[in-house]
Amino acid sequence: MKSRYARVALKISGEALLGKKSHGIDFEFLEGICKEIVEVKKKLSVKMVITIGAGNIWRARDKKDTGIDRVYSDIMGMLGTIMNAVAMQSMLEKLGSETRIASAIDIPQLAEPYIRRRVMRHLEKDRIVIMAGGTGNPYFTTDTAAALRALELKCDVLLKASNIDGVYNLDPKKSAKAKRFEKISFSDVLEKDLKFMDGSAVSLCRESKLPIIVFDLNKKGNILKSISTDGVGTLIS
């Protein structure tokens, strides 16, 4: 089995870490994801950059009625990504994979600051690098952070791990008429205003012609399949 890509950016939402729980982290589910990541590294010898969200802890758009200023709310979300990154690092290292966290927010007790040259060196040494702290700025989602880091670090593809098996014309949870796209262009995604990913992230990838693959993280083996074979999820290019 061979990978179609040498360097992979993987975006994992905070909601994905919920597993069967209503809040926080389902550690059994997290272990399963980390085992898949380690398996991909061993079987395909790819360099891997992971960007992690914080929807299982805090997400500004769901907290509009709290009275907390949007800037501070976004900062709370950034801190949530660091918590998730530390949990994932611990699990990956338990499984024997050397891992580093690079944070856009300066928090030296837990993570290295994001410095592009340093992260590139970690990748050269075959370490998994987890990106935390989003972009370090409010009003930007972790989707946009994932696209930005993927481009900065010269990744060949951005994998968007989702709770559904691709991109649909309608919300498949709400409409029985929803149809999944196997392939779709960046322009069509933006014109149709499809909500699987932040529009800023899609625009960044379109400008640099970085393909995106959206797939179902809940189905075991899909991380490996999305890199090695066609037909898993939806390809945006």
C-alpha atoms as a PDB file:
ATOM      1  CA  MET A   1       0.000   0.000   0.000  1.00  0.00           C
ATOM      2  CA  LYS A   2       1.350   3.416  -0.976  1.00  0.00           C
ATOM      3  CA  SER A   3       0.341   6.924  -0.055  1.00  0.00           C
ATOM      4  CA  ARG A   4      -0.651   9.393  -2.742  1.00  0.00           C
ATOM      5  CA  TYR A   5       0.857  12.135  -0.581  1.00  0.00           C
ATOM      6  CA  ALA A   6       4.206  12.616   1.178  1.00  0.00           C
ATOM      7  CA  ARG A   7       3.131  15.254   3.717  1.00  0.00           C
ATOM      8  CA  VAL A   8      -0.385  15.285   5.125  1.00  0.00           C
ATOM      9  CA  ALA A   9      -2.322  17.888   7.126  1.00  0.00           C
ATOM     10  CA  LEU A  10      -5.121  16.361   9.213  1.00  0.00           C
ATOM     11  CA  LYS A  11      -7.831  18.558  10.748  1.00  0.00           C
ATOM     12  CA  ILE A  12      -9.692  16.951  13.644  1.00  0.00           C
ATOM     13  CA  SER A  13     -12.633  18.834  15.125  1.00  0.00           C
ATOM     14  CA  GLY A  14     -13.097  19.061  18.852  1.00  0.00           C
ATOM     15  CA  GLU A  15     -16.563  17.564  18.423  1.00  0.00           C
ATOM     16  CA  ALA A  16     -14.945  14.402  17.064  1.00  0.00           C
ATOM     17  CA  LEU A  17     -13.258  13.857  20.427  1.00  0.00           C
ATOM     18  CA  LEU A  18     -16.648  13.708  22.143  1.00  0.00           C
ATOM     19  CA  GLY A  19     -17.117  10.144  20.915  1.00  0.00           C
ATOM     20  CA  LYS A  20     -20.118   8.859  22.850  1.00  0.00           C
ATOM     21  CA  LYS A  21     -19.967  11.612  25.461  1.00  0.00           C
ATOM     22  CA  SER A  22     -21.964  14.838  25.588  1.00  0.00           C
ATOM     23  CA  HIS A  23     -18.961  16.942  26.624  1.00  0.00           C
ATOM     24  CA  GLY A  24     -15.224  16.651  27.198  1.00  0.00           C
ATOM     25  CA  ILE A  25     -13.106  13.851  25.719  1.00  0.00           C
ATOM     26  CA  ASP A  26     -14.043  10.224  25.124  1.00  0.00           C
ATOM     27  CA  PHE A  27     -10.600   8.733  25.801  1.00  0.00           C
ATOM     28  CA  GLU A  28     -11.483   5.356  24.349  1.00  0.00           C
ATOM     29  CA  PHE A  29     -12.416   7.067  21.088  1.00  0.00           C
ATOM     30  CA  LEU A  30      -9.301   9.258  21.246  1.00  0.00           C
ATOM     31  CA  GLU A  31      -7.137   6.159  21.636  1.00  0.00           C
ATOM     32  CA  GLY A  32      -8.775   4.635  18.562  1.00  0.00           C
ATOM     33  CA  ILE A  33      -8.012   7.751  16.477  1.00  0.00           C
ATOM     34  CA  CYS A  34      -4.417   7.825  17.706  1.00  0.00           C
ATOM     35  CA  LYS A  35      -3.936   4.133  16.869  1.00  0.00           C
ATOM     36  CA  GLU A  36      -5.071   4.871  13.313  1.00  0.00           C
ATOM     37  CA  ILE A  37      -2.665   7.805  13.045  1.00  0.00           C
ATOM     38  CA  VAL A  38       0.237   5.655  14.257  1.00  0.00           C
ATOM     39  CA  GLU A  39      -0.780   2.916  11.801  1.00  0.00           C
ATOM     40  CA  VAL A  40      -0.801   5.415   8.915  1.00  0.00           C
ATOM     41  CA  LYS A  41       2.669   6.618   9.866  1.00  0.00           C
ATOM     42  CA  LYS A  42       4.046   3.077   9.965  1.00  0.00           C
ATOM     43  CA  LYS A  43       2.371   1.732   6.824  1.00  0.00           C
ATOM     44  CA  LEU A  44       2.707   4.735   4.539  1.00  0.00           C
ATOM     45  CA  SER A  45       5.709   6.625   5.972  1.00  0.00           C
ATOM     46  CA  VAL A  46       3.994   9.999   5.602  1.00  0.00           C
ATOM     47  CA  LYS A  47       4.882  13.200   7.449  1.00  0.00           C
ATOM     48  CA  MET A  48       1.874  14.308   9.479  1.00  0.00           C
ATOM     49  CA  VAL A  49       0.658  17.656  10.788  1.00  0.00           C
ATOM     50  CA  ILE A  50      -2.494  17.627  12.938  1.00  0.00           C
ATOM     51  CA  THR A  51      -4.617  20.691  13.696  1.00  0.00           C
ATOM     52  CA  ILE A  52      -7.164  20.224  16.435  1.00  0.00           C
ATOM     53  CA  GLY A  53     -10.344  22.117  17.290  1.00  0.00           C
ATOM     54  CA  ALA A  54     -12.095  22.729  20.608  1.00  0.00           C
ATOM     55  CA  GLY A  55     -15.815  22.262  19.933  1.00  0.00           C
ATOM     56  CA  ASN A  56     -16.004  19.633  22.688  1.00  0.00           C
ATOM     57  CA  ILE A  57     -14.929  22.268  25.229  1.00  0.00           C
ATOM     58  CA  TRP A  58     -15.828  25.725  23.915  1.00  0.00           C
ATOM     59  CA  ARG A  59     -16.965  27.178  20.598  1.00  0.00           C
ATOM     60  CA  ALA A  60     -17.699  30.884  20.305  1.00  0.00           C
ATOM     61  CA  ARG A  61     -20.579  30.611  17.820  1.00  0.00           C
ATOM     62  CA  ASP A  62     -22.507  28.400  20.254  1.00  0.00           C
ATOM     63  CA  LYS A  63     -21.906  30.760  23.185  1.00  0.00           C
ATOM     64  CA  LYS A  64     -23.353  34.003  21.845  1.00  0.00           C
ATOM     65  CA  ASP A  65     -25.874  34.309  24.675  1.00  0.00           C
ATOM     66  CA  THR A  66     -23.309  34.146  27.480  1.00  0.00           C
ATOM     67  CA  GLY A  67     -22.553  37.876  27.404  1.00  0.00           C
ATOM     68  CA  ILE A  68     -18.845  37.145  26.927  1.00  0.00           C
ATOM     69  CA  ASP A  69     -17.158  39.395  24.374  1.00  0.00           C
ATOM     70  CA  ARG A  70     -16.441  37.602  21.074  1.00  0.00           C
ATOM     71  CA  VAL A  71     -12.696  38.205  21.334  1.00  0.00           C
ATOM     72  CA  TYR A  72     -12.500  36.638  24.794  1.00  0.00           C
ATOM     73  CA  SER A  73     -14.783  33.820  23.721  1.00  0.00           C
ATOM     74  CA  ASP A  74     -12.468  32.998  20.826  1.00  0.00           C
ATOM     75  CA  ILE A  75      -9.486  33.085  23.189  1.00  0.00           C
ATOM     76  CA  MET A  76     -11.260  30.535  25.409  1.00  0.00           C
ATOM     77  CA  GLY A  77     -11.675  28.326  22.333  1.00  0.00           C
ATOM     78  CA  MET A  78      -7.964  28.631  21.557  1.00  0.00           C
ATOM     79  CA  LEU A  79      -7.142  27.500  25.088  1.00  0.00           C
ATOM     80  CA  GLY A  80      -9.493  24.555  24.585  1.00  0.00           C
ATOM     81  CA  THR A  81      -7.472  23.437  21.556  1.00  0.00           C
ATOM     82  CA  ILE A  82      -4.364  23.304  23.743  1.00  0.00           C
ATOM     83  CA  MET A  83      -6.131  21.000  26.217  1.00  0.00           C
ATOM     84  CA  ASN A  84      -7.151  18.687  23.370  1.00  0.00           C
ATOM     85  CA  ALA A  85      -3.640  18.773  21.897  1.00  0.00           C
ATOM     86  CA  VAL A  86      -2.054  17.782  25.227  1.00  0.00           C
ATOM     87  CA  ALA A  87      -4.494  14.856  25.538  1.00  0.00           C
ATOM     88  CA  MET A  88      -3.696  13.704  21.991  1.00  0.00           C
ATOM     89  CA  GLN A  89       0.055  14.077  22.491  1.00  0.00           C
ATOM     90  CA  SER A  90      -0.100  11.977  25.642  1.00  0.00           C
ATOM     91  CA  MET A  91      -2.034   9.235  23.845  1.00  0.00           C
ATOM     92  CA  LEU A  92       0.237   9.229  20.777  1.00  0.00           C
ATOM     93  CA  GLU A  93       3.353   8.998  22.929  1.00  0.00           C
ATOM     94  CA  LYS A  94       1.775   6.193  24.951  1.00  0.00           C
ATOM     95  CA  LEU A  95       1.486   4.363  21.619  1.00  0.00           C
ATOM     96  CA  GLY A  96       5.175   4.984  20.900  1.00  0.00           C
ATOM     97  CA  SER A  97       4.978   7.909  18.460  1.00  0.00           C
ATOM     98  CA  GLU A  98       7.249  10.891  19.060  1.00  0.00           C
ATOM     99  CA  THR A  99       5.054  13.993  19.093  1.00  0.00           C
ATOM    100  CA  ARG A 100       5.385  17.748  19.518  1.00  0.00           C
ATOM    101  CA  ILE A 101       2.785  20.467  20.096  1.00  0.00           C
ATOM    102  CA  ALA A 102       3.290  23.812  18.346  1.00  0.00           C
ATOM    103  CA  SER A 103       1.023  26.523  19.732  1.00  0.00           C
ATOM    104  CA  ALA A 104       0.075  29.868  18.208  1.00  0.00           C
ATOM    105  CA  ILE A 105      -0.397  31.073  21.808  1.00  0.00           C
ATOM    106  CA  ASP A 106       2.704  31.320  23.981  1.00  0.00           C
ATOM    107  CA  ILE A 107       2.296  28.669  26.690  1.00  0.00           C
ATOM    108  CA  PRO A 108       5.826  27.257  27.217  1.00  0.00           C
ATOM    109  CA  GLN A 109       4.915  24.935  30.092  1.00  0.00           C
ATOM    110  CA  LEU A 110       2.795  22.854  27.714  1.00  0.00           C
ATOM    111  CA  ALA A 111       3.870  23.486  24.137  1.00  0.00           C
ATOM    112  CA  GLU A 112       6.512  24.950  21.882  1.00  0.00           C
ATOM    113  CA  PRO A 113       5.715  28.257  20.167  1.00  0.00           C
ATOM    114  CA  TYR A 114       4.744  27.842  16.530  1.00  0.00           C
ATOM    115  CA  ILE A 115       7.918  28.592  14.575  1.00  0.00           C
ATOM    116  CA  ARG A 116       7.776  27.372  11.000  1.00  0.00           C
ATOM    117  CA  ARG A 117      11.440  26.385  10.727  1.00  0.00           C
ATOM    118  CA  ARG A 118      11.269  24.430  13.973  1.00  0.00           C
ATOM    119  CA  VAL A 119       8.148  22.546  12.916  1.00  0.00           C
ATOM    120  CA  MET A 120       9.712  21.743   9.534  1.00  0.00           C
ATOM    121  CA  ARG A 121      12.664  20.270  11.414  1.00  0.00           C
ATOM    122  CA  HIS A 122      10.352  18.126  13.553  1.00  0.00           C
ATOM    123  CA  LEU A 123       8.743  16.789  10.381  1.00  0.00           C
ATOM    124  CA  GLU A 124      12.166  16.011   8.906  1.00  0.00           C
ATOM    125  CA  LYS A 125      12.848  13.978  12.065  1.00  0.00           C
ATOM    126  CA  ASP A 126       9.579  12.102  11.425  1.00  0.00           C
ATOM    127  CA  ARG A 127       7.764  13.475  14.458  1.00  0.00           C
ATOM    128  CA  ILE A 128       4.021  14.069  14.467  1.00  0.00           C
ATOM    129  CA  VAL A 129       3.314  17.752  15.099  1.00  0.00           C
ATOM    130  CA  ILE A 130       0.020  18.889  16.642  1.00  0.00           C
ATOM    131  CA  MET A 131      -1.010  22.484  15.958  1.00  0.00           C
ATOM    132  CA  ALA A 132      -2.806  24.185  18.835  1.00  0.00           C
ATOM    133  CA  GLY A 133      -4.094  27.670  19.593  1.00  0.00           C
ATOM    134  CA  GLY A 134      -5.748  28.139  16.197  1.00  0.00           C
ATOM    135  CA  THR A 135      -4.120  31.029  14.338  1.00  0.00           C
ATOM    136  CA  GLY A 136      -3.573  32.876  17.618  1.00  0.00           C
ATOM    137  CA  ASN A 137      -6.155  35.467  16.558  1.00  0.00           C
ATOM    138  CA  PRO A 138      -9.893  35.873  17.227  1.00  0.00           C
ATOM    139  CA  TYR A 139     -12.458  35.650  14.403  1.00  0.00           C
ATOM    140  CA  PHE A 140     -10.537  32.822  12.683  1.00  0.00           C
ATOM    141  CA  THR A 141     -11.694  29.210  12.928  1.00  0.00           C
ATOM    142  CA  THR A 142      -9.473  26.182  13.398  1.00  0.00           C
ATOM    143  CA  ASP A 143     -10.449  25.180   9.839  1.00  0.00           C
ATOM    144  CA  THR A 144      -8.677  28.314   8.649  1.00  0.00           C
ATOM    145  CA  ALA A 145      -5.753  27.540  10.969  1.00  0.00           C
ATOM    146  CA  ALA A 146      -5.505  24.045   9.469  1.00  0.00           C
ATOM    147  CA  ALA A 147      -5.445  25.424   5.911  1.00  0.00           C
ATOM    148  CA  LEU A 148      -2.889  28.082   6.836  1.00  0.00           C
ATOM    149  CA  ARG A 149      -0.523  25.601   8.522  1.00  0.00           C
ATOM    150  CA  ALA A 150      -0.942  23.091   5.694  1.00  0.00           C
ATOM    151  CA  LEU A 151       0.201  25.716   3.208  1.00  0.00           C
ATOM    152  CA  GLU A 152       3.019  27.078   5.375  1.00  0.00           C
ATOM    153  CA  LEU A 153       4.395  23.588   5.969  1.00  0.00           C
ATOM    154  CA  LYS A 154       4.126  22.520   2.316  1.00  0.00           C
ATOM    155  CA  CYS A 155       1.592  19.735   2.855  1.00  0.00           C
ATOM    156  CA  ASP A 156       0.225  17.914  -0.189  1.00  0.00           C
ATOM    157  CA  VAL A 157      -3.357  17.548   1.029  1.00  0.00           C
ATOM    158  CA  LEU A 158      -5.670  18.729   3.798  1.00  0.00           C
ATOM    159  CA  LEU A 159      -7.771  15.962   5.336  1.00  0.00           C
ATOM    160  CA  LYS A 160     -10.931  17.192   7.033  1.00  0.00           C
ATOM    161  CA  ALA A 161     -12.066  14.521   9.500  1.00  0.00           C
ATOM    162  CA  SER A 162     -15.809  14.895   9.914  1.00  0.00           C
ATOM    163  CA  ASN A 163     -18.838  13.253  11.502  1.00  0.00           C
ATOM    164  CA  ILE A 164     -20.345  12.610   8.055  1.00  0.00           C
ATOM    165  CA  ASP A 165     -18.915  10.765   5.059  1.00  0.00           C
ATOM    166  CA  GLY A 166     -18.300  13.715   2.758  1.00  0.00           C
ATOM    167  CA  VAL A 167     -19.785  16.895   1.346  1.00  0.00           C
ATOM    168  CA  TYR A 168     -23.519  16.996   0.543  1.00  0.00           C
ATOM    169  CA  ASN A 169     -25.720  19.432  -1.354  1.00  0.00           C
ATOM    170  CA  LEU A 170     -28.051  19.516   1.680  1.00  0.00           C
ATOM    171  CA  ASP A 171     -27.639  18.673   5.342  1.00  0.00           C
ATOM    172  CA  PRO A 172     -27.904  14.836   5.364  1.00  0.00           C
ATOM    173  CA  LYS A 173     -29.064  14.917   8.986  1.00  0.00           C
ATOM    174  CA  LYS A 174     -32.058  17.029   8.030  1.00  0.00           C
ATOM    175  CA  SER A 175     -32.947  15.987   4.474  1.00  0.00           C
ATOM    176  CA  ALA A 176     -33.460  12.543   2.955  1.00  0.00           C
ATOM    177  CA  LYS A 177     -32.866  14.156  -0.474  1.00  0.00           C
ATOM    178  CA  ALA A 178     -29.275  15.071   0.368  1.00  0.00           C
ATOM    179  CA  LYS A 179     -26.743  13.783  -2.177  1.00  0.00           C
ATOM    180  CA  ARG A 180     -23.045  13.304  -1.556  1.00  0.00           C
ATOM    181  CA  PHE A 181     -20.454  14.645  -3.977  1.00  0.00           C
ATOM    182  CA  GLU A 182     -17.545  12.344  -4.829  1.00  0.00           C
ATOM    183  CA  LYS A 183     -15.673  15.315  -6.286  1.00  0.00           C
ATOM    184  CA  ILE A 184     -16.423  19.032  -6.330  1.00  0.00           C
ATOM    185  CA  SER A 185     -14.484  22.156  -7.248  1.00  0.00           C
ATOM    186  CA  PHE A 186     -13.483  24.891  -4.815  1.00  0.00           C
ATOM    187  CA  SER A 187     -15.537  27.386  -6.818  1.00  0.00           C
ATOM    188  CA  ASP A 188     -18.690  25.246  -6.600  1.00  0.00           C
ATOM    189  CA  VAL A 189     -18.236  24.856  -2.844  1.00  0.00           C
ATOM    190  CA  LEU A 190     -18.070  28.626  -2.399  1.00  0.00           C
ATOM    191  CA  GLU A 191     -20.860  29.408  -4.888  1.00  0.00           C
ATOM    192  CA  LYS A 192     -23.212  26.854  -3.330  1.00  0.00           C
ATOM    193  CA  ASP A 193     -22.214  28.080   0.148  1.00  0.00           C
ATOM    194  CA  LEU A 194     -21.716  24.520   1.402  1.00  0.00           C
ATOM    195  CA  LYS A 195     -21.109  24.605   5.139  1.00  0.00           C
ATOM    196  CA  PHE A 196     -18.773  21.656   5.697  1.00  0.00           C
ATOM    197  CA  MET A 197     -15.817  24.002   6.256  1.00  0.00           C
ATOM    198  CA  ASP A 198     -15.126  27.671   6.873  1.00  0.00           C
ATOM    199  CA  GLY A 199     -15.166  29.658   3.626  1.00  0.00           C
ATOM    200  CA  SER A 200     -11.854  31.350   4.428  1.00  0.00           C
ATOM    201  CA  ALA A 201     -10.173  27.946   4.663  1.00  0.00           C
ATOM    202  CA  VAL A 202     -11.626  26.853   1.326  1.00  0.00           C
ATOM    203  CA  SER A 203     -10.498  30.105  -0.321  1.00  0.00           C
ATOM    204  CA  LEU A 204      -6.943  29.669   1.006  1.00  0.00           C
ATOM    205  CA  CYS A 205      -6.769  26.151  -0.396  1.00  0.00           C
ATOM    206  CA  ARG A 206      -8.222  27.257  -3.737  1.00  0.00           C
ATOM    207  CA  GLU A 207      -5.600  29.990  -4.144  1.00  0.00           C
ATOM    208  CA  SER A 208      -2.760  27.504  -3.650  1.00  0.00           C
ATOM    209  CA  LYS A 209      -4.491  24.528  -5.303  1.00  0.00           C
ATOM    210  CA  LEU A 210      -4.258  22.439  -2.119  1.00  0.00           C
ATOM    211  CA  PRO A 211      -6.785  19.567  -2.361  1.00  0.00           C
ATOM    212  CA  ILE A 212      -9.146  18.866   0.537  1.00  0.00           C
ATOM    213  CA  ILE A 213     -10.598  15.440   1.359  1.00  0.00           C
ATOM    214  CA  VAL A 214     -13.621  15.332   3.664  1.00  0.00           C
ATOM    215  CA  PHE A 215     -14.325  11.930   5.215  1.00  0.00           C
ATOM    216  CA  ASP A 216     -16.041  10.209   8.127  1.00  0.00           C
ATOM    217  CA  LEU A 217     -13.674   9.866  11.085  1.00  0.00           C
ATOM    218  CA  ASN A 218     -16.058   7.505  12.886  1.00  0.00           C
ATOM    219  CA  LYS A 219     -15.463   4.695  10.406  1.00  0.00           C
ATOM    220  CA  LYS A 220     -12.341   2.778  11.366  1.00  0.00           C
ATOM    221  CA  GLY A 221      -9.569   2.830   8.781  1.00  0.00           C
ATOM    222  CA  ASN A 222     -10.780   5.916   6.926  1.00  0.00           C
ATOM    223  CA  ILE A 223      -7.685   8.011   7.679  1.00  0.00           C
ATOM    224  CA  LEU A 224      -5.562   5.369   5.947  1.00  0.00           C
ATOM    225  CA  LYS A 225      -8.020   4.990   3.057  1.00  0.00           C
ATOM    226  CA  SER A 226      -8.314   8.719   2.449  1.00  0.00           C
ATOM    227  CA  ILE A 227      -4.573   8.943   1.833  1.00  0.00           C
ATOM    228  CA  SER A 228      -4.009   5.687  -0.042  1.00  0.00           C
ATOM    229  CA  THR A 229      -7.068   5.126  -2.246  1.00  0.00           C
ATOM    230  CA  ASP A 230      -9.766   6.974  -4.170  1.00  0.00           C
ATOM    231  CA  GLY A 231     -13.438   6.827  -3.282  1.00  0.00           C
ATOM    232  CA  VAL A 232     -13.407   7.707   0.420  1.00  0.00           C
ATOM    233  CA  GLY A 233     -15.359  10.829   1.245  1.00  0.00           C
ATOM    234  CA  THR A 234     -15.344  13.867  -1.038  1.00  0.00           C
ATOM    235  CA  LEU A 235     -12.402  15.384  -2.888  1.00  0.00           C
ATOM    236  CA  ILE A 236     -12.415  19.176  -3.280  1.00  0.00           C
ATOM    237  CA  SER A 237      -9.925  20.458  -5.840  1.00  0.00           C
END
